């Protein structure tokens, strides 16, 4: 892990039905890793096939929990938007 100050860490693996969905989620979440305040935590994200891997590093467990909660909210929101778009596209045909 990059910074010696970071004492808490977690890795979350999210499996999606398709590689396409995993890539969409990766593209949606990657900007959040760049805009986060890096003072107390850092987040790294990568895609491996149908799986999205999110690594969290933080100075303490409170910062770790906050980072994980933020990203899981982003995941839920993105999945909700994707479902709505799919329904809209099929309803339009």
Protein backbone atom coordinates (compact mmCIF):
# COMPACT_ATOMS: atom_id res chain seq x y z
CA UNK A 1 0.00 0.00 0.00
CA UNK A 2 1.40 3.32 -1.07
CA UNK A 3 1.46 5.52 2.02
CA UNK A 4 2.89 4.44 5.37
CA UNK A 5 0.28 6.61 7.14
CA UNK A 6 -2.53 4.41 5.85
CA UNK A 7 -3.33 1.88 8.58
CA UNK A 8 -6.73 0.48 7.66
CA UNK A 9 -7.58 -1.20 4.39
CA UNK A 10 -10.28 -3.25 2.71
CA UNK A 11 -10.88 -4.85 -0.66
CA UNK A 12 -14.36 -5.23 -2.15
CA UNK A 13 -15.04 -7.53 -5.12
CA UNK A 14 -18.28 -6.84 -6.99
CA UNK A 15 -19.43 -9.41 -9.55
CA UNK A 16 -21.70 -8.29 -12.39
CA UNK A 17 -23.78 -10.35 -14.85
CA UNK A 18 -21.64 -9.19 -17.79
CA UNK A 19 -18.27 -7.69 -18.55
CA UNK A 20 -20.09 -4.79 -20.24
CA UNK A 21 -21.85 -3.88 -16.97
CA UNK A 22 -18.57 -4.13 -15.09
CA UNK A 23 -16.89 -1.77 -17.58
CA UNK A 24 -19.76 0.72 -17.35
CA UNK A 25 -19.51 0.69 -13.56
CA UNK A 26 -15.73 1.14 -13.75
CA UNK A 27 -16.11 4.16 -16.04
CA UNK A 28 -18.76 5.65 -13.76
CA UNK A 29 -16.76 5.19 -10.53
CA UNK A 30 -13.20 5.91 -11.69
CA UNK A 31 -13.63 9.73 -11.64
CA UNK A 32 -14.62 9.48 -7.97
CA UNK A 33 -11.22 8.00 -7.14
CA UNK A 34 -9.55 11.06 -8.64
CA UNK A 35 -11.71 13.69 -6.94
CA UNK A 36 -11.67 12.27 -3.42
CA UNK A 37 -9.79 14.12 -0.74
CA UNK A 38 -6.61 12.07 -0.30
CA UNK A 39 -5.89 13.32 3.19
CA UNK A 40 -7.50 10.48 5.13
CA UNK A 41 -8.22 7.81 2.54
CA UNK A 42 -7.46 6.59 -0.95
CA UNK A 43 -9.42 4.38 -3.29
CA UNK A 44 -8.14 2.29 -6.20
CA UNK A 45 -10.46 0.62 -8.67
CA UNK A 46 -9.91 -1.92 -11.44
CA UNK A 47 -11.93 -4.26 -13.61
CA UNK A 48 -11.19 -7.93 -14.19
CA UNK A 49 -13.71 -9.43 -16.55
CA UNK A 50 -17.12 -9.36 -14.88
CA UNK A 51 -15.58 -8.35 -11.53
CA UNK A 52 -14.91 -4.87 -10.22
CA UNK A 53 -12.24 -4.67 -7.53
CA UNK A 54 -12.19 -1.66 -5.21
CA UNK A 55 -9.27 -1.24 -2.78
CA UNK A 56 -9.63 1.17 0.11
CA UNK A 57 -6.77 2.55 2.22
CA UNK A 58 -7.33 4.90 5.15
CA UNK A 59 -5.60 6.39 8.16
CA UNK A 60 -8.19 4.91 10.52
CA UNK A 61 -11.31 2.77 10.57
CA UNK A 62 -13.67 5.77 10.58
CA UNK A 63 -12.19 7.10 7.34
CA UNK A 64 -12.21 3.58 5.90
CA UNK A 65 -15.89 3.11 6.73
CA UNK A 66 -16.77 6.50 5.24
CA UNK A 67 -14.95 5.68 1.99
CA UNK A 68 -16.58 2.27 1.68
CA UNK A 69 -20.04 3.69 2.37
CA UNK A 70 -19.55 6.45 -0.21
CA UNK A 71 -18.50 4.03 -2.91
CA UNK A 72 -21.25 1.54 -2.17
CA UNK A 73 -23.77 4.38 -2.47
CA UNK A 74 -22.23 5.28 -5.86
CA UNK A 75 -22.50 1.63 -6.95
CA UNK A 76 -26.16 1.44 -5.89
CA UNK A 77 -26.97 4.75 -7.61
CA UNK A 78 -25.23 3.74 -10.83
CA UNK A 79 -27.02 0.36 -10.90
CA UNK A 80 -30.35 2.14 -10.36
CA UNK A 81 -29.66 4.56 -13.22
CA UNK A 82 -28.61 1.71 -15.54
CA UNK A 83 -31.84 -0.18 -14.79
CA UNK A 84 -33.89 2.95 -15.50
CA UNK A 85 -32.08 3.55 -18.80
CA UNK A 86 -32.63 -0.08 -19.85
CA UNK A 87 -36.36 0.16 -19.07
CA UNK A 88 -36.61 3.46 -20.95
CA UNK A 89 -34.83 2.06 -24.01
CA UNK A 90 -37.09 -1.00 -24.17
CA UNK A 91 -40.24 1.06 -23.59
CA UNK A 92 -39.24 3.37 -26.45
CA UNK A 93 -39.17 0.55 -29.05
